[in-house]
Every structure is written in C-alpha cells, then in structure tokens.
Amino acid sequence: MDRRSLLTAAAVVPVTGLLLPEAAHAAPAGFNSTFNGSKAGWSNVRGTWTLKPGNLYSRGIPGMRVSTKRTGNYSDFYYAVRMRRRGNSTGVAANALVVRGNPGSVDGTGNWKPCYLFQYANQGWYSVWRINANGTEGAVVNWTRTSSVFSTGYNFVEVWVDGDYLDFHINGTHQWSGYDSALSFGQVGISYYTEPSKTAECFIDSASLTIIGPRREPCRLGAAGRAVPG
C-alpha cells in the first residue's frame, strides 16, 4: 500500500541513511500555536494555508500532498496536533504529522525529502512512513486498522520522537511505538493527501511542540523498525 492512501501499492525500500546537514541542527524552544488570529512561525510548503476563525486552513490539490511547516529544526520532542479533514474523499487518504523533515526538498507529489510521516485516514487506519532524501520510501508501519480515529470532527494526534525511538497516539490511544534510526533531526509540519479528481479541506485547531530530554531507559527495548508491545 501507498503512503498517500490505502488505494495503491508500493514496495517497501531499505533505509538510505541520508540526513540533513549537521550544520542545520539547531533546536529552538518549543511552541504552542492556537491559530487565534496568528499563524506566526508557520509557512506554506505546498498549497495555500490561511487563517480561519480559530484554525489554520487549507484546500487540497487533487493528486497532491499539501503541507505547512514550522520554523526551526528539532531532534527530540513531543508534538501534538488537533486537526480535522473533510471533503469529497473516500476517507482513505492520508492526513499526517511530518517530523524530522526537510521542506526545502519536495518531490512532485509534495513529499518532503527526507521526513517521517505519522498518518491516519478518516475511515479508521494509521501508518508510519519514512521518505528518504533520495525520494525512495518505506513503511515503518504499513496501513493498519484502528478504532481510534474519528471519521468526522477533529482528531488529536500525538508523536513522541526521542533518539531512534518513535511513539504514536491518536485521540489518547496508543497506536504504535518502535525504533527507526534513519533520520535524527529536521523541521516539523502538517500535511494531507487529496485523491485525484477529489476535493478536501483541512482545519488545524492547534499545534504544539515540547522539547524532551534523553530517554532514561537502561537498554533498548527492541530492534530498529520493530514494534514495542503496549
């Protein structure tokens, strides 16, 4: 299956290990964006993102992934977004938190190169994908059924990124956690894919990021790319 939706298939590819330049790694303070009259720190990557009352808003582009980025590069953090997607879609297209990404390099579909994508689809699916700097891609976790997604209204999506440890929650329910060491830092953002000949809208009610310290676990819980139970 494809990182954009559940409708197409794509081969899982190996990690390329390509990272952003180390010189770009400078972590600013965290942020808390409510979009009540201001979108300071946020800018368009693909598509147009504007303020509506209490929301950062965008209309999708058919066959494309639109996205917005937050200023600054981050390594280890907790990132949470409350977002809603609606429109003339079949409910299987991806809505995503983008982390450790490079929005300055975007492919023809709108994927940042590189990045991690923590995704959900309105019909009740989630996945985690890695886009490498050379444009290849791989499923860290392929599309998986979940009962945690609200098909209408807002979804609260949370990601913990700490070293090579990744943790993903939707509406307060743990979906997956595990390890992947390909990407170590980059920018964060929000994106969503619109199917060809469809329309879609996205409303971002809030987005926040908190810097976290090193994990205190005495040892690794699992191999890279392997899920951690619970």
C-alpha atoms as a PDB file:
ATOM      1  CA  MET A   1       0.000   0.000   0.000  1.00  0.00           C
ATOM      2  CA  ASP A   2       0.996   3.598  -0.576  1.00  0.00           C
ATOM      3  CA  ARG A   3       1.935   6.259   1.992  1.00  0.00           C
ATOM      4  CA  ARG A   4      -0.686   8.566   0.390  1.00  0.00           C
ATOM      5  CA  SER A   5      -3.710   6.308   0.798  1.00  0.00           C
ATOM      6  CA  LEU A   6      -4.842   2.696   1.021  1.00  0.00           C
ATOM      7  CA  LEU A   7      -5.767   2.556  -2.673  1.00  0.00           C
ATOM      8  CA  THR A   8      -2.400   1.870  -4.293  1.00  0.00           C
ATOM      9  CA  ALA A   9       0.518  -0.440  -3.621  1.00  0.00           C
ATOM     10  CA  ALA A  10       4.183   0.482  -3.164  1.00  0.00           C
ATOM     11  CA  ALA A  11       7.240  -1.619  -2.402  1.00  0.00           C
ATOM     12  CA  VAL A  12       8.972  -1.182   0.957  1.00  0.00           C
ATOM     13  CA  VAL A  13      12.521   0.019   0.370  1.00  0.00           C
ATOM     14  CA  PRO A  14      15.583  -0.104   2.628  1.00  0.00           C
ATOM     15  CA  VAL A  15      16.812   2.802   4.705  1.00  0.00           C
ATOM     16  CA  THR A  16      19.173   5.059   2.810  1.00  0.00           C
ATOM     17  CA  GLY A  17      20.565   6.761   5.906  1.00  0.00           C
ATOM     18  CA  LEU A  18      20.631  10.180   4.214  1.00  0.00           C
ATOM     19  CA  LEU A  19      20.203  13.020   6.694  1.00  0.00           C
ATOM     20  CA  LEU A  20      20.000  16.781   6.712  1.00  0.00           C
ATOM     21  CA  PRO A  21      23.361  18.550   7.079  1.00  0.00           C
ATOM     22  CA  GLU A  22      24.554  18.533  10.683  1.00  0.00           C
ATOM     23  CA  ALA A  23      25.196  22.276  10.454  1.00  0.00           C
ATOM     24  CA  ALA A  24      21.451  22.831  10.230  1.00  0.00           C
ATOM     25  CA  HIS A  25      20.848  21.097  13.559  1.00  0.00           C
ATOM     26  CA  ALA A  26      19.973  23.919  15.957  1.00  0.00           C
ATOM     27  CA  ALA A  27      16.979  23.255  18.203  1.00  0.00           C
ATOM     28  CA  PRO A  28      14.939  26.324  19.195  1.00  0.00           C
ATOM     29  CA  ALA A  29      12.436  26.367  22.041  1.00  0.00           C
ATOM     30  CA  GLY A  30       9.135  24.569  21.638  1.00  0.00           C
ATOM     31  CA  PHE A  31       5.909  26.278  20.591  1.00  0.00           C
ATOM     32  CA  ASN A  32       2.165  26.371  21.163  1.00  0.00           C
ATOM     33  CA  SER A  33       0.114  27.580  18.177  1.00  0.00           C
ATOM     34  CA  THR A  34      -3.645  28.125  18.647  1.00  0.00           C
ATOM     35  CA  PHE A  35      -4.194  29.979  15.348  1.00  0.00           C
ATOM     36  CA  ASN A  36      -6.454  32.503  17.038  1.00  0.00           C
ATOM     37  CA  GLY A  37      -5.595  35.430  14.785  1.00  0.00           C
ATOM     38  CA  SER A  38      -1.979  34.455  14.119  1.00  0.00           C
ATOM     39  CA  LYS A  39      -0.019  31.795  12.258  1.00  0.00           C
ATOM     40  CA  ALA A  40       3.379  33.127  13.346  1.00  0.00           C
ATOM     41  CA  GLY A  41       6.139  30.603  12.712  1.00  0.00           C
ATOM     42  CA  TRP A  42       4.167  28.692  10.075  1.00  0.00           C
ATOM     43  CA  SER A  43       4.526  28.984   6.297  1.00  0.00           C
ATOM     44  CA  ASN A  44       3.332  27.221   3.150  1.00  0.00           C
ATOM     45  CA  VAL A  45       5.298  24.362   1.613  1.00  0.00           C
ATOM     46  CA  ARG A  46       2.714  23.128  -0.897  1.00  0.00           C
ATOM     47  CA  GLY A  47      -0.751  24.655  -1.265  1.00  0.00           C
ATOM     48  CA  THR A  48      -2.079  27.747   0.475  1.00  0.00           C
ATOM     49  CA  TRP A  49      -2.645  27.758   4.254  1.00  0.00           C
ATOM     50  CA  THR A  50      -4.642  30.673   5.643  1.00  0.00           C
ATOM     51  CA  LEU A  51      -6.295  31.643   8.914  1.00  0.00           C
ATOM     52  CA  LYS A  52      -9.961  30.964   9.514  1.00  0.00           C
ATOM     53  CA  PRO A  53     -11.565  31.666  12.911  1.00  0.00           C
ATOM     54  CA  GLY A  54      -9.503  29.559  15.325  1.00  0.00           C
ATOM     55  CA  ASN A  55      -7.949  27.404  12.602  1.00  0.00           C
ATOM     56  CA  LEU A  56      -5.149  27.186  10.073  1.00  0.00           C
ATOM     57  CA  TYR A  57      -6.970  26.133   6.900  1.00  0.00           C
ATOM     58  CA  SER A  58      -6.120  24.700   3.502  1.00  0.00           C
ATOM     59  CA  ARG A  59      -7.938  23.312   0.478  1.00  0.00           C
ATOM     60  CA  GLY A  60      -6.322  20.268  -1.047  1.00  0.00           C
ATOM     61  CA  ILE A  61      -4.932  19.890  -4.548  1.00  0.00           C
ATOM     62  CA  PRO A  62      -6.216  16.784  -6.376  1.00  0.00           C
ATOM     63  CA  GLY A  63      -3.495  14.165  -6.697  1.00  0.00           C
ATOM     64  CA  MET A  64      -1.121  16.122  -4.447  1.00  0.00           C
ATOM     65  CA  ARG A  65       0.014  16.327  -0.834  1.00  0.00           C
ATOM     66  CA  VAL A  66      -0.214  19.868   0.542  1.00  0.00           C
ATOM     67  CA  SER A  67       1.730  20.835   3.660  1.00  0.00           C
ATOM     68  CA  THR A  68       2.743  23.604   6.032  1.00  0.00           C
ATOM     69  CA  LYS A  69       5.998  23.854   8.002  1.00  0.00           C
ATOM     70  CA  ARG A  70       7.042  25.274  11.353  1.00  0.00           C
ATOM     71  CA  THR A  71      10.216  27.341  11.640  1.00  0.00           C
ATOM     72  CA  GLY A  72      13.165  25.601  13.330  1.00  0.00           C
ATOM     73  CA  ASN A  73      14.908  22.226  13.414  1.00  0.00           C
ATOM     74  CA  TYR A  74      14.154  19.740  16.200  1.00  0.00           C
ATOM     75  CA  SER A  75      15.616  16.434  17.376  1.00  0.00           C
ATOM     76  CA  ASP A  76      13.820  15.032  20.438  1.00  0.00           C
ATOM     77  CA  PHE A  77      10.322  16.252  21.220  1.00  0.00           C
ATOM     78  CA  TYR A  78       6.647  15.699  21.883  1.00  0.00           C
ATOM     79  CA  TYR A  79       4.495  17.032  19.025  1.00  0.00           C
ATOM     80  CA  ALA A  80       0.697  17.252  19.176  1.00  0.00           C
ATOM     81  CA  VAL A  81      -1.837  18.499  16.603  1.00  0.00           C
ATOM     82  CA  ARG A  82      -5.618  18.756  16.723  1.00  0.00           C
ATOM     83  CA  MET A  83      -6.828  18.563  13.137  1.00  0.00           C
ATOM     84  CA  ARG A  84      -9.886  17.863  11.006  1.00  0.00           C
ATOM     85  CA  ARG A  85     -10.144  16.717   7.410  1.00  0.00           C
ATOM     86  CA  ARG A  86     -13.333  16.822   5.347  1.00  0.00           C
ATOM     87  CA  GLY A  87     -14.368  16.880   1.705  1.00  0.00           C
ATOM     88  CA  ASN A  88     -15.287  14.786  -1.294  1.00  0.00           C
ATOM     89  CA  SER A  89     -12.946  11.932  -0.389  1.00  0.00           C
ATOM     90  CA  THR A  90     -13.437   8.197   0.089  1.00  0.00           C
ATOM     91  CA  GLY A  91     -11.941   8.503   3.577  1.00  0.00           C
ATOM     92  CA  VAL A  92      -8.777   6.513   2.859  1.00  0.00           C
ATOM     93  CA  ALA A  93      -6.392   9.371   2.004  1.00  0.00           C
ATOM     94  CA  ALA A  94      -3.568  10.245   4.395  1.00  0.00           C
ATOM     95  CA  ASN A  95      -3.570  13.042   6.963  1.00  0.00           C
ATOM     96  CA  ALA A  96      -0.151  13.404   8.565  1.00  0.00           C
ATOM     97  CA  LEU A  97       2.148  14.907  11.131  1.00  0.00           C
ATOM     98  CA  VAL A  98       5.528  15.443   9.447  1.00  0.00           C
ATOM     99  CA  VAL A  99       8.660  15.251  11.616  1.00  0.00           C
ATOM    100  CA  ARG A 100      12.434  15.377  11.164  1.00  0.00           C
ATOM    101  CA  GLY A 101      11.839  16.626   7.649  1.00  0.00           C
ATOM    102  CA  ASN A 102      13.397  18.874   5.031  1.00  0.00           C
ATOM    103  CA  PRO A 103      10.644  21.017   3.454  1.00  0.00           C
ATOM    104  CA  GLY A 104      13.246  22.665   1.234  1.00  0.00           C
ATOM    105  CA  SER A 105      13.329  19.489  -0.881  1.00  0.00           C
ATOM    106  CA  VAL A 106       9.901  18.324  -2.097  1.00  0.00           C
ATOM    107  CA  ASP A 107       9.060  15.743  -4.746  1.00  0.00           C
ATOM    108  CA  GLY A 108       6.409  16.055  -7.453  1.00  0.00           C
ATOM    109  CA  THR A 109       3.637  14.747  -5.206  1.00  0.00           C
ATOM    110  CA  GLY A 110       4.554  17.062  -2.328  1.00  0.00           C
ATOM    111  CA  ASN A 111       6.503  14.736  -0.026  1.00  0.00           C
ATOM    112  CA  TRP A 112       9.337  16.294   1.971  1.00  0.00           C
ATOM    113  CA  LYS A 113      12.694  14.627   1.339  1.00  0.00           C
ATOM    114  CA  PRO A 114      13.521  13.285   3.887  1.00  0.00           C
ATOM    115  CA  CYS A 115      10.883  13.004   6.629  1.00  0.00           C
ATOM    116  CA  TYR A 116       8.800  10.717   8.797  1.00  0.00           C
ATOM    117  CA  LEU A 117       5.015  10.732   8.240  1.00  0.00           C
ATOM    118  CA  PHE A 118       2.729   9.765  11.148  1.00  0.00           C
ATOM    119  CA  GLN A 119      -0.598   9.292   9.385  1.00  0.00           C
ATOM    120  CA  TYR A 120      -4.260   8.470   9.820  1.00  0.00           C
ATOM    121  CA  ALA A 121      -7.164   8.081   7.386  1.00  0.00           C
ATOM    122  CA  ASN A 122     -10.718   9.051   8.275  1.00  0.00           C
ATOM    123  CA  GLN A 123     -12.131   5.572   7.686  1.00  0.00           C
ATOM    124  CA  GLY A 124     -10.061   4.220  10.594  1.00  0.00           C
ATOM    125  CA  TRP A 125      -6.465   3.492   9.585  1.00  0.00           C
ATOM    126  CA  TYR A 126      -2.999   4.603  10.678  1.00  0.00           C
ATOM    127  CA  SER A 127       0.537   4.212   9.315  1.00  0.00           C
ATOM    128  CA  VAL A 128       4.102   5.467   9.757  1.00  0.00           C
ATOM    129  CA  TRP A 129       6.206   6.087   6.643  1.00  0.00           C
ATOM    130  CA  ARG A 130       9.746   7.256   6.034  1.00  0.00           C
ATOM    131  CA  ILE A 131      10.614   9.279   2.937  1.00  0.00           C
ATOM    132  CA  ASN A 132      14.372   9.219   2.282  1.00  0.00           C
ATOM    133  CA  ALA A 133      16.415  12.123   0.935  1.00  0.00           C
ATOM    134  CA  ASN A 134      16.726  10.449  -2.473  1.00  0.00           C
ATOM    135  CA  GLY A 135      12.933  10.162  -2.776  1.00  0.00           C
ATOM    136  CA  THR A 136      12.649   6.449  -2.004  1.00  0.00           C
ATOM    137  CA  GLU A 137      10.137   5.496   0.660  1.00  0.00           C
ATOM    138  CA  GLY A 138       9.383   2.713   3.096  1.00  0.00           C
ATOM    139  CA  ALA A 139       6.651   1.758   5.542  1.00  0.00           C
ATOM    140  CA  VAL A 140       7.918   1.732   9.116  1.00  0.00           C
ATOM    141  CA  VAL A 141       4.365   0.594   9.887  1.00  0.00           C
ATOM    142  CA  ASN A 142       2.090  -0.116   6.925  1.00  0.00           C
ATOM    143  CA  TRP A 143      -1.574   0.872   6.937  1.00  0.00           C
ATOM    144  CA  THR A 144      -3.244  -0.783   9.939  1.00  0.00           C
ATOM    145  CA  ARG A 145      -6.830  -0.771  11.152  1.00  0.00           C
ATOM    146  CA  THR A 146      -7.671   1.301  14.247  1.00  0.00           C
ATOM    147  CA  SER A 147     -10.888   2.207  16.072  1.00  0.00           C
ATOM    148  CA  SER A 148      -9.327   5.394  17.485  1.00  0.00           C
ATOM    149  CA  VAL A 149      -9.937   7.711  14.515  1.00  0.00           C
ATOM    150  CA  PHE A 150     -12.993   9.969  14.453  1.00  0.00           C
ATOM    151  CA  SER A 151     -14.388   9.848  10.914  1.00  0.00           C
ATOM    152  CA  THR A 152     -15.885  13.329  11.334  1.00  0.00           C
ATOM    153  CA  GLY A 153     -14.766  16.159  13.557  1.00  0.00           C
ATOM    154  CA  TYR A 154     -11.299  16.737  14.991  1.00  0.00           C
ATOM    155  CA  ASN A 155      -8.630  14.146  15.747  1.00  0.00           C
ATOM    156  CA  PHE A 156      -5.906  14.715  18.347  1.00  0.00           C
ATOM    157  CA  VAL A 157      -2.668  13.244  17.005  1.00  0.00           C
ATOM    158  CA  GLU A 158       0.450  12.889  19.205  1.00  0.00           C
ATOM    159  CA  VAL A 159       4.009  11.864  18.397  1.00  0.00           C
ATOM    160  CA  TRP A 160       6.983  11.329  20.703  1.00  0.00           C
ATOM    161  CA  VAL A 161      10.360  11.338  18.921  1.00  0.00           C
ATOM    162  CA  ASP A 162      13.365  10.540  21.118  1.00  0.00           C
ATOM    163  CA  GLY A 163      16.616   9.393  19.518  1.00  0.00           C
ATOM    164  CA  ASP A 164      15.667   6.411  17.371  1.00  0.00           C
ATOM    165  CA  TYR A 165      12.521   5.763  19.436  1.00  0.00           C
ATOM    166  CA  LEU A 166       9.135   6.708  17.901  1.00  0.00           C
ATOM    167  CA  ASP A 167       5.723   6.666  19.614  1.00  0.00           C
ATOM    168  CA  PHE A 168       2.340   7.391  18.002  1.00  0.00           C
ATOM    169  CA  HIS A 169      -1.046   8.105  19.649  1.00  0.00           C
ATOM    170  CA  ILE A 170      -4.434   9.092  18.190  1.00  0.00           C
ATOM    171  CA  ASN A 171      -7.156  10.577  20.406  1.00  0.00           C
ATOM    172  CA  GLY A 172      -5.352   9.460  23.535  1.00  0.00           C
ATOM    173  CA  THR A 173      -4.914   5.841  22.421  1.00  0.00           C
ATOM    174  CA  HIS A 174      -1.508   4.286  21.734  1.00  0.00           C
ATOM    175  CA  GLN A 175      -1.215   3.043  18.133  1.00  0.00           C
ATOM    176  CA  TRP A 176       2.431   2.002  17.785  1.00  0.00           C
ATOM    177  CA  SER A 177       5.905   2.523  19.169  1.00  0.00           C
ATOM    178  CA  GLY A 178       9.238   1.235  17.921  1.00  0.00           C
ATOM    179  CA  TYR A 179      12.621   2.177  16.526  1.00  0.00           C
ATOM    180  CA  ASP A 180      13.988   3.682  13.335  1.00  0.00           C
ATOM    181  CA  SER A 181      17.389   5.375  13.178  1.00  0.00           C
ATOM    182  CA  ALA A 182      17.411   6.822   9.637  1.00  0.00           C
ATOM    183  CA  LEU A 183      16.591  10.450  10.496  1.00  0.00           C
ATOM    184  CA  SER A 184      17.831  12.328  13.551  1.00  0.00           C
ATOM    185  CA  PHE A 185      16.505  15.891  13.199  1.00  0.00           C
ATOM    186  CA  GLY A 186      14.686  18.342  10.960  1.00  0.00           C
ATOM    187  CA  GLN A 187      11.584  20.502  10.743  1.00  0.00           C
ATOM    188  CA  VAL A 188       8.025  19.577  11.716  1.00  0.00           C
ATOM    189  CA  GLY A 189       4.826  20.235   9.822  1.00  0.00           C
ATOM    190  CA  ILE A 190       1.361  19.028   8.845  1.00  0.00           C
ATOM    191  CA  SER A 191       0.274  17.541   5.529  1.00  0.00           C
ATOM    192  CA  TYR A 192      -2.562  15.724   3.829  1.00  0.00           C
ATOM    193  CA  TYR A 193      -3.104  13.999   0.505  1.00  0.00           C
ATOM    194  CA  THR A 194      -6.095  14.533  -1.805  1.00  0.00           C
ATOM    195  CA  GLU A 195      -7.021  11.791  -4.233  1.00  0.00           C
ATOM    196  CA  PRO A 196      -7.128  12.575  -7.978  1.00  0.00           C
ATOM    197  CA  SER A 197     -10.440  14.160  -9.045  1.00  0.00           C
ATOM    198  CA  LYS A 198     -11.420  14.641  -5.363  1.00  0.00           C
ATOM    199  CA  THR A 199     -11.583  17.709  -3.144  1.00  0.00           C
ATOM    200  CA  ALA A 200     -10.634  18.079   0.507  1.00  0.00           C
ATOM    201  CA  GLU A 201     -10.259  20.629   3.283  1.00  0.00           C
ATOM    202  CA  CYS A 202      -8.065  20.582   6.382  1.00  0.00           C
ATOM    203  CA  PHE A 203      -8.587  22.563   9.586  1.00  0.00           C
ATOM    204  CA  ILE A 204      -5.784  22.787  12.171  1.00  0.00           C
ATOM    205  CA  ASP A 205      -7.179  23.842  15.541  1.00  0.00           C
ATOM    206  CA  SER A 206      -3.859  23.751  17.422  1.00  0.00           C
ATOM    207  CA  ALA A 207      -0.277  22.515  17.178  1.00  0.00           C
ATOM    208  CA  SER A 208       2.304  22.361  19.957  1.00  0.00           C
ATOM    209  CA  LEU A 209       5.810  21.016  20.471  1.00  0.00           C
ATOM    210  CA  THR A 210       7.722  20.404  23.705  1.00  0.00           C
ATOM    211  CA  ILE A 211      11.438  19.631  23.785  1.00  0.00           C
ATOM    212  CA  ILE A 212      12.171  16.460  25.745  1.00  0.00           C
ATOM    213  CA  GLY A 213      15.373  15.206  27.350  1.00  0.00           C
ATOM    214  CA  PRO A 214      17.169  11.901  26.771  1.00  0.00           C
ATOM    215  CA  ARG A 215      15.169   8.743  27.423  1.00  0.00           C
ATOM    216  CA  ARG A 216      16.085   7.168  30.750  1.00  0.00           C
ATOM    217  CA  GLU A 217      15.574   3.536  29.782  1.00  0.00           C
ATOM    218  CA  PRO A 218      18.617   1.434  30.745  1.00  0.00           C
ATOM    219  CA  CYS A 219      18.574  -0.545  27.493  1.00  0.00           C
ATOM    220  CA  ARG A 220      16.973  -0.725  24.071  1.00  0.00           C
ATOM    221  CA  LEU A 221      13.535  -2.352  24.062  1.00  0.00           C
ATOM    222  CA  GLY A 222      13.655  -3.729  20.528  1.00  0.00           C
ATOM    223  CA  ALA A 223      15.483  -3.785  17.223  1.00  0.00           C
ATOM    224  CA  ALA A 224      15.236  -0.891  14.790  1.00  0.00           C
ATOM    225  CA  GLY A 225      11.899  -0.858  12.981  1.00  0.00           C
ATOM    226  CA  ARG A 226      10.358  -3.395  15.378  1.00  0.00           C
ATOM    227  CA  ALA A 227       7.225  -2.528  17.342  1.00  0.00           C
ATOM    228  CA  VAL A 228       7.234  -2.269  21.117  1.00  0.00           C
ATOM    229  CA  PRO A 229       4.199  -4.026  22.713  1.00  0.00           C
ATOM    230  CA  GLY A 230       1.745  -1.753  24.525  1.00  0.00           C
END
